[in-house]
Protein backbone atom coordinates (compact mmCIF):
# COMPACT_ATOMS: atom_id res chain seq x y z
CA MET A 1 -5.00 -13.77 10.99
CA ASN A 2 -2.77 -10.67 11.17
CA LYS A 3 -0.12 -12.47 9.13
CA LEU A 4 -2.73 -13.22 6.45
CA LYS A 5 -3.83 -9.56 6.35
CA PHE A 6 -0.21 -8.46 6.09
CA LEU A 7 0.50 -10.84 3.20
CA LEU A 8 -2.67 -9.79 1.41
CA SER A 9 -1.80 -6.11 1.85
CA LEU A 10 1.74 -6.74 0.61
CA PHE A 11 0.43 -8.58 -2.45
CA LEU A 12 -1.97 -5.75 -3.29
CA LEU A 13 0.77 -3.16 -2.89
CA ILE A 14 3.19 -5.03 -5.14
CA SER A 15 0.57 -5.67 -7.82
CA THR A 16 -0.40 -1.98 -7.74
CA LEU A 17 3.20 -0.90 -8.23
CA HIS A 18 3.47 -2.97 -11.40
CA ALA A 19 0.10 -2.00 -12.83
CA VAL A 20 0.09 0.92 -15.21
CA ASP A 21 -3.09 2.53 -16.41
CA ILE A 22 -3.52 3.51 -20.01
CA PRO A 23 -4.67 7.11 -20.42
CA TRP A 24 -7.68 6.23 -22.57
CA ASN A 25 -9.63 8.76 -24.57
CA HIS A 26 -13.38 8.17 -24.55
CA ASP A 27 -14.44 10.82 -27.08
CA TYR A 28 -14.39 9.55 -30.68
CA ASN A 29 -14.25 12.95 -32.37
CA LYS A 30 -11.53 14.29 -30.09
CA ALA A 31 -9.46 11.17 -30.79
CA LEU A 32 -9.74 11.76 -34.55
CA ILE A 33 -8.66 15.38 -34.14
CA GLN A 34 -5.71 14.35 -31.97
CA ALA A 35 -4.70 11.67 -34.50
CA LYS A 36 -4.66 14.20 -37.33
CA LYS A 37 -2.68 16.70 -35.28
CA GLU A 38 -0.10 14.13 -34.08
CA HIS A 39 0.04 12.10 -37.34
CA LYS A 40 -1.01 8.94 -35.52
CA ILE A 41 -3.48 6.13 -35.96
CA VAL A 42 -6.44 5.78 -33.62
CA TYR A 43 -6.61 2.46 -31.80
CA LEU A 44 -10.30 1.98 -31.02
CA PHE A 45 -10.91 -0.70 -28.41
CA ILE A 46 -14.61 -1.55 -28.16
CA GLY A 47 -15.47 -3.44 -25.01
CA ALA A 48 -18.33 -4.10 -22.66
CA ASP A 49 -18.63 -3.54 -18.94
CA GLN A 50 -19.09 -7.21 -18.08
CA CYS A 51 -16.84 -8.68 -20.79
CA LYS A 52 -14.48 -11.25 -19.30
CA TYR A 53 -12.32 -11.31 -22.44
CA CYS A 54 -11.95 -7.51 -22.35
CA LYS A 55 -10.84 -7.74 -18.73
CA ARG A 56 -8.43 -10.54 -19.63
CA LEU A 57 -6.93 -8.50 -22.49
CA TYR A 58 -6.43 -5.58 -20.16
CA GLU A 59 -4.94 -7.62 -17.31
CA TRP A 60 -2.71 -9.86 -19.44
CA THR A 61 -1.63 -7.45 -22.14
CA LEU A 62 -2.74 -3.83 -22.04
CA SER A 63 -1.53 -3.31 -18.48
CA LYS A 64 2.07 -4.20 -19.35
CA PRO A 65 4.36 -1.12 -19.32
CA GLU A 66 6.21 -2.18 -22.49
CA VAL A 67 2.92 -2.62 -24.38
CA ILE A 68 1.60 0.73 -23.15
CA LYS A 69 4.83 2.46 -24.17
CA ARG A 70 4.60 1.14 -27.72
CA MET A 71 0.89 1.90 -27.97
CA GLN A 72 1.28 5.49 -26.78
CA LYS A 73 4.15 6.08 -29.20
CA ASP A 74 2.19 5.12 -32.31
CA TYR A 75 -1.51 5.47 -31.48
CA VAL A 76 -4.19 7.68 -30.04
CA LEU A 77 -5.81 5.31 -27.56
CA LEU A 78 -9.61 5.28 -27.57
CA TYR A 79 -11.75 2.99 -25.42
CA MET A 80 -15.49 2.82 -25.90
CA SER A 81 -17.79 0.58 -23.93
CA ARG A 82 -20.89 -0.50 -25.77
CA ASP A 83 -22.66 -0.11 -22.43
CA GLN A 84 -21.59 3.50 -21.81
CA HIS A 85 -20.65 5.20 -25.09
CA LYS A 86 -22.33 5.94 -28.41
CA ILE A 87 -20.26 3.89 -30.83
CA PRO A 88 -20.39 5.06 -34.45
CA ALA A 89 -22.51 2.80 -36.66
CA GLN A 90 -19.65 1.73 -38.95
CA TYR A 91 -18.07 -0.29 -36.13
CA GLU A 92 -19.32 -3.64 -34.90
CA LYS A 93 -19.95 -3.39 -31.17
CA TYR A 94 -20.85 -6.97 -30.39
CA GLY A 95 -18.37 -9.80 -30.00
CA ALA A 96 -16.14 -7.79 -27.69
CA PRO A 97 -13.33 -7.11 -27.45
CA ARG A 98 -13.18 -5.50 -30.86
CA HIS A 99 -10.15 -3.65 -32.17
CA TYR A 100 -10.10 -1.06 -34.92
CA PHE A 101 -7.07 0.83 -36.15
CA ILE A 102 -8.28 3.86 -38.08
CA ASN A 103 -6.88 7.06 -39.49
CA TYR A 104 -8.33 10.51 -38.87
CA LYS A 105 -10.46 10.14 -42.02
CA GLU A 106 -12.17 7.17 -40.33
CA GLU A 107 -10.72 4.67 -42.79
CA ILE A 108 -10.22 1.27 -41.19
CA ILE A 109 -6.60 0.24 -41.57
CA HIS A 110 -7.01 -3.01 -39.65
CA SER A 111 -9.65 -4.67 -37.52
CA ASP A 112 -9.42 -7.58 -35.16
CA GLN A 113 -11.38 -9.31 -32.45
CA GLY A 114 -10.56 -11.12 -29.24
CA SER A 115 -8.06 -11.18 -26.43
CA ARG A 116 -4.32 -11.66 -26.91
CA GLU A 117 -1.31 -12.20 -24.73
CA PRO A 118 1.51 -9.66 -25.29
CA GLU A 119 3.29 -11.69 -27.97
CA GLY A 120 0.08 -12.08 -29.97
CA TRP A 121 -0.74 -8.41 -29.49
CA TYR A 122 2.66 -7.41 -30.90
CA ASP A 123 1.78 -9.51 -33.97
CA VAL A 124 -1.41 -7.46 -34.40
CA LEU A 125 0.56 -4.22 -34.10
CA ASP A 126 3.07 -5.50 -36.66
CA GLU A 127 0.19 -6.21 -39.09
CA VAL A 128 -1.05 -2.65 -38.64
CA ASP A 129 2.45 -1.31 -39.32
CA LEU A 130 2.55 -3.25 -42.60
CA LYS A 131 -0.82 -1.88 -43.72
CA LYS A 132 -0.57 1.75 -42.60
CA ASP A 133 1.56 2.91 -45.53
CA ASP A 134 -1.51 2.43 -47.77
CA PHE A 135 -3.41 5.10 -45.80
CA THR A 136 -3.07 8.78 -44.97
CA ILE A 137 -1.86 9.17 -41.42
C-alpha cells in the first residue's frame, strides 16, 4: 500500500511540474482596455463549469507551455464561464466551448466552437492571423 501511495504522489508531483496555468482575465471591459493599450486581440473563451469539452480543451491544449507562450504573446486572454460571469449579449454562450477573437472595438475577427488538440488549435490561431489585418488592432 505504501508503494502505491508513493507512486501516486510521484505521478501527481510530475504532472504538476508540467502543468502551467494560464493567467486568465475574467473582466470583459478590462480585457478590452488592455487589448487597446497593448495592441493585441482579445481571445474570449466561453465555457461552462461542468463542460467536459472545455476541460478537455484545457487539459489537452491550453495547458501546454508552448501554446500558452504563443497565446500570451499575441492575445489578451479572457475566460468567461456562462455559469459565473455576465457574458455580453453579442456572444453565443451555449454550445461550449466557444472561442471569439475580438479587437478592442468589440469587432469579431474570428469565432470558433469546440475542443482542439494543439495542432488543430494552431490552425485556428493561423486563421486568426490571416484575418486580423482587416481589423484595427
